[in-house]
Amino acid sequence: MLNYLKAELYRLVHSKSWIGFILGSAFILFLSMIFGEMTIMGSGEGMLLDIGFQAKSYLSAAEPTFETVAQSCLGYTAFFWLVNVLFTATFFNKEYEVGTIKLSVAYGIDRRIIYFSKAMIILVVSIFMYFAFILGFFILETMQSGYLMSLAEFMQLLQWTVINGLVLLAMNCLVIFLCGLISNISVVTGVSCIYIFSGACVYLMSWASMETLFPLLRTYVYANPMFYWMNICSSNITRIIDYLPWYLLSSTLLLIIGCILVNRKEIK
């Protein structure tokens, strides 16, 4: 497996999907420098954000608070996931679409090794890129707001970033599962985007009365990454604590099921 991992890493470095991932992330960072205060898929009462993503919305521009600065650092997660979905679907499925995966199988490489090698590369690259992405926004936000975080505040921001990253990896497990099921970049990307956007829309409409929501629809929200990001990025971590372990576990199971599907599927 180590040799095939090296081969996948070489393929990654020379792939357009990797370059697109970097350029897409850099473009989001550039856009944030152009736009000022922004609320993305957010809801709350008055000036206070209860759920969603918000950037540069200080109650006092002269004296920004830790919560508003942290929300600005994490806010553009609202766009990063889309770039990540495109990268995951393209990198995993490209060989299946063009048919070059047949060469690896014909050479005698176990399909499970191929599957988990691709998955491992995707997960490692995604979490690395997300941390680099948030670091870029942390530097930018520190320069623009002038707010200097204490060590305790920085560790709090790091904790939120780690949890966001875990949710991102869980989302990747779903996308990889869909890749194993469908093997079509456009369809996988489309289904993933519809799923994530629809979860955000349902949550925005029902966040204040989740207990009255139809049970199946409520489960749909809890199984959607937007539920976790929209709370973490608005500093409402307590709302997700009870559901996060189950979400991560179910996503890991999806990754395993995807391997079973790939191992049994006929390669055309």
C-alpha atoms as a PDB file:
ATOM      1  CA  MET A   1       0.000   0.000   0.000  1.00  0.00           C
ATOM      2  CA  LEU A   2       2.902   2.347   0.716  1.00  0.00           C
ATOM      3  CA  ASN A   3       4.082   2.185  -2.901  1.00  0.00           C
ATOM      4  CA  TYR A   4       0.607   2.948  -4.204  1.00  0.00           C
ATOM      5  CA  LEU A   5       0.292   5.836  -1.740  1.00  0.00           C
ATOM      6  CA  LYS A   6       3.480   7.270  -3.215  1.00  0.00           C
ATOM      7  CA  ALA A   7       2.023   6.849  -6.689  1.00  0.00           C
ATOM      8  CA  GLU A   8      -1.166   8.664  -5.638  1.00  0.00           C
ATOM      9  CA  LEU A   9       0.873  11.445  -4.061  1.00  0.00           C
ATOM     10  CA  TYR A  10       2.843  11.838  -7.290  1.00  0.00           C
ATOM     11  CA  ARG A  11      -0.433  11.909  -9.228  1.00  0.00           C
ATOM     12  CA  LEU A  12      -1.775  14.556  -6.853  1.00  0.00           C
ATOM     13  CA  VAL A  13       1.216  16.869  -7.238  1.00  0.00           C
ATOM     14  CA  HIS A  14       0.878  16.745 -11.029  1.00  0.00           C
ATOM     15  CA  SER A  15      -2.918  16.959 -11.151  1.00  0.00           C
ATOM     16  CA  LYS A  16      -5.073  19.923 -12.150  1.00  0.00           C
ATOM     17  CA  SER A  17      -7.424  19.197  -9.244  1.00  0.00           C
ATOM     18  CA  TRP A  18      -4.652  20.028  -6.733  1.00  0.00           C
ATOM     19  CA  ILE A  19      -3.802  23.255  -8.553  1.00  0.00           C
ATOM     20  CA  GLY A  20      -7.505  24.121  -8.722  1.00  0.00           C
ATOM     21  CA  PHE A  21      -7.845  23.487  -4.978  1.00  0.00           C
ATOM     22  CA  ILE A  22      -5.024  25.917  -4.211  1.00  0.00           C
ATOM     23  CA  LEU A  23      -6.242  28.585  -6.633  1.00  0.00           C
ATOM     24  CA  GLY A  24      -9.836  28.265  -5.436  1.00  0.00           C
ATOM     25  CA  SER A  25      -8.831  28.709  -1.802  1.00  0.00           C
ATOM     26  CA  ALA A  26      -6.608  31.665  -2.685  1.00  0.00           C
ATOM     27  CA  PHE A  27      -9.448  33.235  -4.673  1.00  0.00           C
ATOM     28  CA  ILE A  28     -11.789  33.058  -1.657  1.00  0.00           C
ATOM     29  CA  LEU A  29      -9.120  34.731   0.469  1.00  0.00           C
ATOM     30  CA  PHE A  30      -8.751  37.440  -2.177  1.00  0.00           C
ATOM     31  CA  LEU A  31     -12.516  38.036  -2.286  1.00  0.00           C
ATOM     32  CA  SER A  32     -12.588  38.518   1.477  1.00  0.00           C
ATOM     33  CA  MET A  33     -10.108  41.361   1.104  1.00  0.00           C
ATOM     34  CA  ILE A  34     -12.445  43.132  -1.335  1.00  0.00           C
ATOM     35  CA  PHE A  35     -15.726  42.771   0.540  1.00  0.00           C
ATOM     36  CA  GLY A  36     -16.369  44.229   3.952  1.00  0.00           C
ATOM     37  CA  GLU A  37     -18.981  43.100   6.452  1.00  0.00           C
ATOM     38  CA  MET A  38     -20.737  39.993   5.204  1.00  0.00           C
ATOM     39  CA  THR A  39     -23.283  37.529   6.562  1.00  0.00           C
ATOM     40  CA  ILE A  40     -23.573  34.253   4.662  1.00  0.00           C
ATOM     41  CA  MET A  41     -26.499  31.952   5.390  1.00  0.00           C
ATOM     42  CA  GLY A  42     -26.894  33.474   8.832  1.00  0.00           C
ATOM     43  CA  SER A  43     -29.757  34.105  11.197  1.00  0.00           C
ATOM     44  CA  GLY A  44     -30.172  35.687  14.615  1.00  0.00           C
ATOM     45  CA  GLU A  45     -31.735  38.460  16.588  1.00  0.00           C
ATOM     46  CA  GLY A  46     -30.632  42.015  15.950  1.00  0.00           C
ATOM     47  CA  MET A  47     -26.890  42.382  15.406  1.00  0.00           C
ATOM     48  CA  LEU A  48     -26.110  39.088  17.131  1.00  0.00           C
ATOM     49  CA  LEU A  49     -25.477  36.052  14.936  1.00  0.00           C
ATOM     50  CA  ASP A  50     -27.084  32.904  16.298  1.00  0.00           C
ATOM     51  CA  ILE A  51     -26.244  30.504  13.468  1.00  0.00           C
ATOM     52  CA  GLY A  52     -24.390  30.872  10.197  1.00  0.00           C
ATOM     53  CA  PHE A  53     -21.291  32.580   8.875  1.00  0.00           C
ATOM     54  CA  GLN A  54     -20.342  36.183   9.439  1.00  0.00           C
ATOM     55  CA  ALA A  55     -17.261  38.243   8.602  1.00  0.00           C
ATOM     56  CA  LYS A  56     -16.124  41.619   9.911  1.00  0.00           C
ATOM     57  CA  SER A  57     -19.393  42.303  11.729  1.00  0.00           C
ATOM     58  CA  TYR A  58     -18.008  44.040  14.805  1.00  0.00           C
ATOM     59  CA  LEU A  59     -20.407  45.548  17.315  1.00  0.00           C
ATOM     60  CA  SER A  60     -17.727  48.213  17.689  1.00  0.00           C
ATOM     61  CA  ALA A  61     -15.127  48.698  14.954  1.00  0.00           C
ATOM     62  CA  ALA A  62     -12.901  50.460  17.473  1.00  0.00           C
ATOM     63  CA  GLU A  63     -13.066  47.596  19.957  1.00  0.00           C
ATOM     64  CA  PRO A  64     -13.671  44.254  18.210  1.00  0.00           C
ATOM     65  CA  THR A  65     -14.361  41.277  20.466  1.00  0.00           C
ATOM     66  CA  PHE A  66     -12.812  37.821  20.336  1.00  0.00           C
ATOM     67  CA  GLU A  67     -16.101  36.240  19.203  1.00  0.00           C
ATOM     68  CA  THR A  68     -16.511  38.574  16.215  1.00  0.00           C
ATOM     69  CA  VAL A  69     -12.864  38.193  15.175  1.00  0.00           C
ATOM     70  CA  ALA A  70     -13.063  34.399  15.504  1.00  0.00           C
ATOM     71  CA  GLN A  71     -16.276  34.349  13.477  1.00  0.00           C
ATOM     72  CA  SER A  72     -14.513  36.339  10.766  1.00  0.00           C
ATOM     73  CA  CYS A  73     -11.622  33.852  10.715  1.00  0.00           C
ATOM     74  CA  LEU A  74     -14.006  30.912  10.336  1.00  0.00           C
ATOM     75  CA  GLY A  75     -16.750  32.585   8.291  1.00  0.00           C
ATOM     76  CA  TYR A  76     -15.460  31.747   4.841  1.00  0.00           C
ATOM     77  CA  THR A  77     -15.786  28.057   5.610  1.00  0.00           C
ATOM     78  CA  ALA A  78     -19.141  28.748   3.918  1.00  0.00           C
ATOM     79  CA  PHE A  79     -17.252  28.731   0.584  1.00  0.00           C
ATOM     80  CA  PHE A  80     -14.276  26.469   1.282  1.00  0.00           C
ATOM     81  CA  TRP A  81     -16.357  23.285   1.420  1.00  0.00           C
ATOM     82  CA  LEU A  82     -17.454  23.794  -2.196  1.00  0.00           C
ATOM     83  CA  VAL A  83     -13.860  23.963  -3.443  1.00  0.00           C
ATOM     84  CA  ASN A  84     -13.138  20.878  -1.350  1.00  0.00           C
ATOM     85  CA  VAL A  85     -16.049  18.914  -2.864  1.00  0.00           C
ATOM     86  CA  LEU A  86     -14.797  19.716  -6.370  1.00  0.00           C
ATOM     87  CA  PHE A  87     -11.290  18.586  -5.458  1.00  0.00           C
ATOM     88  CA  THR A  88     -12.466  15.357  -3.814  1.00  0.00           C
ATOM     89  CA  ALA A  89     -14.796  14.320  -6.628  1.00  0.00           C
ATOM     90  CA  THR A  90     -12.286  15.182  -9.355  1.00  0.00           C
ATOM     91  CA  PHE A  91      -9.246  13.559  -7.782  1.00  0.00           C
ATOM     92  CA  PHE A  92     -11.047  10.361  -6.809  1.00  0.00           C
ATOM     93  CA  ASN A  93     -13.098   9.818  -9.964  1.00  0.00           C
ATOM     94  CA  LYS A  94     -10.809  11.104 -12.718  1.00  0.00           C
ATOM     95  CA  GLU A  95      -9.107   7.735 -13.263  1.00  0.00           C
ATOM     96  CA  TYR A  96     -12.461   5.953 -13.297  1.00  0.00           C
ATOM     97  CA  GLU A  97     -13.906   8.353 -15.874  1.00  0.00           C
ATOM     98  CA  VAL A  98     -10.964   8.150 -18.286  1.00  0.00           C
ATOM     99  CA  GLY A  99     -10.494   4.411 -17.689  1.00  0.00           C
ATOM    100  CA  THR A 100      -6.856   4.463 -16.589  1.00  0.00           C
ATOM    101  CA  ILE A 101      -7.843   2.748 -13.332  1.00  0.00           C
ATOM    102  CA  LYS A 102      -7.974  -0.491 -15.364  1.00  0.00           C
ATOM    103  CA  LEU A 103      -4.177  -0.446 -15.624  1.00  0.00           C
ATOM    104  CA  SER A 104      -3.737  -0.516 -11.845  1.00  0.00           C
ATOM    105  CA  VAL A 105      -6.286  -3.318 -11.454  1.00  0.00           C
ATOM    106  CA  ALA A 106      -4.761  -5.313 -14.320  1.00  0.00           C
ATOM    107  CA  TYR A 107      -1.368  -4.900 -12.685  1.00  0.00           C
ATOM    108  CA  GLY A 108      -2.751  -6.769  -9.693  1.00  0.00           C
ATOM    109  CA  ILE A 109      -3.271  -3.946  -7.202  1.00  0.00           C
ATOM    110  CA  ASP A 110      -6.115  -4.667  -4.805  1.00  0.00           C
ATOM    111  CA  ARG A 111      -9.087  -2.353  -5.341  1.00  0.00           C
ATOM    112  CA  ARG A 112      -9.306  -1.763  -1.593  1.00  0.00           C
ATOM    113  CA  ILE A 113      -5.734  -0.461  -1.629  1.00  0.00           C
ATOM    114  CA  ILE A 114      -6.604   1.856  -4.516  1.00  0.00           C
ATOM    115  CA  TYR A 115      -9.716   3.090  -2.699  1.00  0.00           C
ATOM    116  CA  PHE A 116      -8.123   3.757   0.674  1.00  0.00           C
ATOM    117  CA  SER A 117      -4.981   5.260  -0.862  1.00  0.00           C
ATOM    118  CA  LYS A 118      -7.059   7.815  -2.729  1.00  0.00           C
ATOM    119  CA  ALA A 119      -9.205   8.421   0.353  1.00  0.00           C
ATOM    120  CA  MET A 120      -6.176   8.922   2.592  1.00  0.00           C
ATOM    121  CA  ILE A 121      -4.569  11.394   0.206  1.00  0.00           C
ATOM    122  CA  ILE A 122      -7.837  13.340  -0.079  1.00  0.00           C
ATOM    123  CA  LEU A 123      -8.413  13.473   3.685  1.00  0.00           C
ATOM    124  CA  VAL A 124      -4.845  14.530   4.516  1.00  0.00           C
ATOM    125  CA  VAL A 125      -4.719  17.187   1.789  1.00  0.00           C
ATOM    126  CA  SER A 126      -8.158  18.533   2.720  1.00  0.00           C
ATOM    127  CA  ILE A 127      -7.371  18.999   6.402  1.00  0.00           C
ATOM    128  CA  PHE A 128      -3.988  20.541   5.571  1.00  0.00           C
ATOM    129  CA  MET A 129      -5.590  22.977   3.130  1.00  0.00           C
ATOM    130  CA  TYR A 130      -8.321  23.901   5.606  1.00  0.00           C
ATOM    131  CA  PHE A 131      -5.828  24.722   8.352  1.00  0.00           C
ATOM    132  CA  ALA A 132      -3.777  26.772   5.879  1.00  0.00           C
ATOM    133  CA  PHE A 133      -6.997  28.477   4.769  1.00  0.00           C
ATOM    134  CA  ILE A 134      -7.974  29.451   8.328  1.00  0.00           C
ATOM    135  CA  LEU A 135      -4.405  30.519   9.095  1.00  0.00           C
ATOM    136  CA  GLY A 136      -4.540  32.874   6.125  1.00  0.00           C
ATOM    137  CA  PHE A 137      -7.767  34.404   7.425  1.00  0.00           C
ATOM    138  CA  PHE A 138      -6.356  34.606  10.951  1.00  0.00           C
ATOM    139  CA  ILE A 139      -3.386  36.642   9.696  1.00  0.00           C
ATOM    140  CA  LEU A 140      -5.629  38.811   7.513  1.00  0.00           C
ATOM    141  CA  GLU A 141      -8.142  39.400  10.307  1.00  0.00           C
ATOM    142  CA  THR A 142      -5.400  40.293  12.793  1.00  0.00           C
ATOM    143  CA  MET A 143      -4.014  42.862  10.364  1.00  0.00           C
ATOM    144  CA  GLN A 144      -7.395  44.370   9.477  1.00  0.00           C
ATOM    145  CA  SER A 145      -9.021  44.449  12.915  1.00  0.00           C
ATOM    146  CA  GLY A 146      -5.898  45.098  14.973  1.00  0.00           C
ATOM    147  CA  TYR A 147      -7.163  42.630  17.572  1.00  0.00           C
ATOM    148  CA  LEU A 148      -4.430  40.526  19.186  1.00  0.00           C
ATOM    149  CA  MET A 149      -5.681  37.270  20.672  1.00  0.00           C
ATOM    150  CA  SER A 150      -4.403  35.985  23.965  1.00  0.00           C
ATOM    151  CA  LEU A 151      -2.995  32.463  24.088  1.00  0.00           C
ATOM    152  CA  ALA A 152      -6.234  31.161  25.616  1.00  0.00           C
ATOM    153  CA  GLU A 153      -8.290  32.808  22.870  1.00  0.00           C
ATOM    154  CA  PHE A 154      -6.006  31.451  20.153  1.00  0.00           C
ATOM    155  CA  MET A 155      -6.371  27.934  21.604  1.00  0.00           C
ATOM    156  CA  GLN A 156     -10.153  28.383  21.572  1.00  0.00           C
ATOM    157  CA  LEU A 157     -10.034  29.380  17.901  1.00  0.00           C
ATOM    158  CA  LEU A 158      -7.789  26.397  17.213  1.00  0.00           C
ATOM    159  CA  GLN A 159     -10.286  24.095  18.919  1.00  0.00           C
ATOM    160  CA  TRP A 160     -13.117  25.398  16.744  1.00  0.00           C
ATOM    161  CA  THR A 161     -10.915  24.995  13.668  1.00  0.00           C
ATOM    162  CA  VAL A 162     -10.136  21.378  14.572  1.00  0.00           C
ATOM    163  CA  ILE A 163     -13.826  20.558  15.025  1.00  0.00           C
ATOM    164  CA  ASN A 164     -14.653  22.262  11.735  1.00  0.00           C
ATOM    165  CA  GLY A 165     -11.885  20.202  10.141  1.00  0.00           C
ATOM    166  CA  LEU A 166     -13.324  16.962  11.519  1.00  0.00           C
ATOM    167  CA  VAL A 167     -16.696  17.855  10.020  1.00  0.00           C
ATOM    168  CA  LEU A 168     -14.950  18.598   6.723  1.00  0.00           C
ATOM    169  CA  LEU A 169     -13.345  15.134   6.777  1.00  0.00           C
ATOM    170  CA  ALA A 170     -16.725  13.587   7.539  1.00  0.00           C
ATOM    171  CA  MET A 171     -18.187  15.414   4.544  1.00  0.00           C
ATOM    172  CA  ASN A 172     -15.331  14.059   2.422  1.00  0.00           C
ATOM    173  CA  CYS A 173     -16.241  10.528   3.527  1.00  0.00           C
ATOM    174  CA  LEU A 174     -19.722  11.105   2.113  1.00  0.00           C
ATOM    175  CA  VAL A 175     -18.342  12.466  -1.168  1.00  0.00           C
ATOM    176  CA  ILE A 176     -15.922   9.534  -1.483  1.00  0.00           C
ATOM    177  CA  PHE A 177     -18.817   7.139  -0.800  1.00  0.00           C
ATOM    178  CA  LEU A 178     -20.780   8.790  -3.617  1.00  0.00           C
ATOM    179  CA  CYS A 179     -17.727   8.481  -5.872  1.00  0.00           C
ATOM    180  CA  GLY A 180     -17.646   4.751  -5.202  1.00  0.00           C
ATOM    181  CA  LEU A 181     -21.369   4.531  -5.874  1.00  0.00           C
ATOM    182  CA  ILE A 182     -21.635   6.700  -8.998  1.00  0.00           C
ATOM    183  CA  SER A 183     -18.132   7.226 -10.486  1.00  0.00           C
ATOM    184  CA  ASN A 184     -19.133  10.428 -12.258  1.00  0.00           C
ATOM    185  CA  ILE A 185     -17.555  13.743 -11.264  1.00  0.00           C
ATOM    186  CA  SER A 186     -20.467  15.972 -12.317  1.00  0.00           C
ATOM    187  CA  VAL A 187     -23.160  13.834 -10.694  1.00  0.00           C
ATOM    188  CA  VAL A 188     -21.209  13.418  -7.437  1.00  0.00           C
ATOM    189  CA  THR A 189     -20.541  17.158  -7.240  1.00  0.00           C
ATOM    190  CA  GLY A 190     -24.165  18.010  -8.009  1.00  0.00           C
ATOM    191  CA  VAL A 191     -25.636  15.568  -5.487  1.00  0.00           C
ATOM    192  CA  SER A 192     -23.189  16.707  -2.793  1.00  0.00           C
ATOM    193  CA  CYS A 193     -23.995  20.385  -3.325  1.00  0.00           C
ATOM    194  CA  ILE A 194     -27.762  19.795  -3.326  1.00  0.00           C
ATOM    195  CA  TYR A 195     -27.473  17.758  -0.132  1.00  0.00           C
ATOM    196  CA  ILE A 196     -25.393  20.347   1.709  1.00  0.00           C
ATOM    197  CA  PHE A 197     -27.321  23.413   0.494  1.00  0.00           C
ATOM    198  CA  SER A 198     -30.679  21.810   1.260  1.00  0.00           C
ATOM    199  CA  GLY A 199     -29.520  20.949   4.779  1.00  0.00           C
ATOM    200  CA  ALA A 200     -28.515  24.572   5.319  1.00  0.00           C
ATOM    201  CA  CYS A 201     -31.870  25.835   4.040  1.00  0.00           C
ATOM    202  CA  VAL A 202     -33.882  23.494   6.267  1.00  0.00           C
ATOM    203  CA  TYR A 203     -31.806  24.447   9.304  1.00  0.00           C
ATOM    204  CA  LEU A 204     -32.134  28.167   8.607  1.00  0.00           C
ATOM    205  CA  MET A 205     -35.911  27.802   8.534  1.00  0.00           C
ATOM    206  CA  SER A 206     -36.177  25.685  11.673  1.00  0.00           C
ATOM    207  CA  TRP A 207     -33.161  26.406  13.913  1.00  0.00           C
ATOM    208  CA  ALA A 208     -35.252  28.105  16.610  1.00  0.00           C
ATOM    209  CA  SER A 209     -37.749  25.223  16.827  1.00  0.00           C
ATOM    210  CA  MET A 210     -35.823  22.060  15.991  1.00  0.00           C
ATOM    211  CA  GLU A 211     -37.753  20.036  18.574  1.00  0.00           C
ATOM    212  CA  THR A 212     -40.993  20.580  16.606  1.00  0.00           C
ATOM    213  CA  LEU A 213     -39.468  19.525  13.280  1.00  0.00           C
ATOM    214  CA  PHE A 214     -40.593  16.253  11.713  1.00  0.00           C
ATOM    215  CA  PRO A 215     -38.197  13.552  13.094  1.00  0.00           C
ATOM    216  CA  LEU A 216     -36.944  12.397   9.686  1.00  0.00           C
ATOM    217  CA  LEU A 217     -36.275  15.981   8.618  1.00  0.00           C
ATOM    218  CA  ARG A 218     -34.551  16.696  11.928  1.00  0.00           C
ATOM    219  CA  THR A 219     -32.285  13.685  11.390  1.00  0.00           C
ATOM    220  CA  TYR A 220     -31.503  15.024   7.900  1.00  0.00           C
ATOM    221  CA  VAL A 221     -30.312  18.275   9.460  1.00  0.00           C
ATOM    222  CA  TYR A 222     -28.200  16.515  12.091  1.00  0.00           C
ATOM    223  CA  ALA A 223     -26.605  14.403   9.346  1.00  0.00           C
ATOM    224  CA  ASN A 224     -25.651  17.493   7.339  1.00  0.00           C
ATOM    225  CA  PRO A 225     -22.256  19.226   7.751  1.00  0.00           C
ATOM    226  CA  MET A 226     -23.890  22.648   7.558  1.00  0.00           C
ATOM    227  CA  PHE A 227     -25.610  22.052  10.899  1.00  0.00           C
ATOM    228  CA  TYR A 228     -22.192  21.773  12.553  1.00  0.00           C
ATOM    229  CA  TRP A 229     -20.404  24.525  10.615  1.00  0.00           C
ATOM    230  CA  MET A 230     -23.235  27.024  11.093  1.00  0.00           C
ATOM    231  CA  ASN A 231     -23.069  26.538  14.857  1.00  0.00           C
ATOM    232  CA  ILE A 232     -19.289  26.307  15.253  1.00  0.00           C
ATOM    233  CA  CYS A 233     -18.660  29.387  13.113  1.00  0.00           C
ATOM    234  CA  SER A 234     -21.149  31.377  15.189  1.00  0.00           C
ATOM    235  CA  SER A 235     -19.567  30.278  18.502  1.00  0.00           C
ATOM    236  CA  ASN A 236     -22.443  27.976  19.468  1.00  0.00           C
ATOM    237  CA  ILE A 237     -20.447  24.813  20.015  1.00  0.00           C
ATOM    238  CA  THR A 238     -22.713  23.453  22.776  1.00  0.00           C
ATOM    239  CA  ARG A 239     -25.523  22.805  20.295  1.00  0.00           C
ATOM    240  CA  ILE A 240     -23.588  20.161  18.390  1.00  0.00           C
ATOM    241  CA  ILE A 241     -21.833  18.252  21.193  1.00  0.00           C
ATOM    242  CA  ASP A 242     -24.500  15.553  21.500  1.00  0.00           C
ATOM    243  CA  TYR A 243     -24.692  14.912  17.753  1.00  0.00           C
ATOM    244  CA  LEU A 244     -21.100  15.302  16.545  1.00  0.00           C
ATOM    245  CA  PRO A 245     -19.775  11.846  17.641  1.00  0.00           C
ATOM    246  CA  TRP A 246     -22.657  10.090  15.858  1.00  0.00           C
ATOM    247  CA  TYR A 247     -22.120  12.171  12.734  1.00  0.00           C
ATOM    248  CA  LEU A 248     -18.415  11.340  12.624  1.00  0.00           C
ATOM    249  CA  LEU A 249     -19.088   7.636  13.263  1.00  0.00           C
ATOM    250  CA  SER A 250     -21.745   7.380  10.548  1.00  0.00           C
ATOM    251  CA  SER A 251     -19.441   9.130   8.073  1.00  0.00           C
ATOM    252  CA  THR A 252     -16.658   6.637   8.848  1.00  0.00           C
ATOM    253  CA  LEU A 253     -19.111   3.801   8.188  1.00  0.00           C
ATOM    254  CA  LEU A 254     -19.997   5.387   4.843  1.00  0.00           C
ATOM    255  CA  LEU A 255     -16.309   5.394   3.929  1.00  0.00           C
ATOM    256  CA  ILE A 256     -16.108   1.663   4.667  1.00  0.00           C
ATOM    257  CA  ILE A 257     -19.300   0.913   2.725  1.00  0.00           C
ATOM    258  CA  GLY A 258     -17.858   2.855  -0.206  1.00  0.00           C
ATOM    259  CA  CYS A 259     -14.847   0.536  -0.178  1.00  0.00           C
ATOM    260  CA  ILE A 260     -17.147  -2.506  -0.326  1.00  0.00           C
ATOM    261  CA  LEU A 261     -19.011  -1.003  -3.280  1.00  0.00           C
ATOM    262  CA  VAL A 262     -15.805  -0.247  -5.181  1.00  0.00           C
ATOM    263  CA  ASN A 263     -14.440  -3.729  -4.491  1.00  0.00           C
ATOM    264  CA  ARG A 264     -17.531  -5.352  -5.983  1.00  0.00           C
ATOM    265  CA  LYS A 265     -18.231  -2.935  -8.825  1.00  0.00           C
ATOM    266  CA  GLU A 266     -17.336  -3.769 -12.402  1.00  0.00           C
ATOM    267  CA  ILE A 267     -14.775  -1.380 -13.863  1.00  0.00           C
ATOM    268  CA  LYS A 268     -15.778  -0.238 -17.352  1.00  0.00           C
END
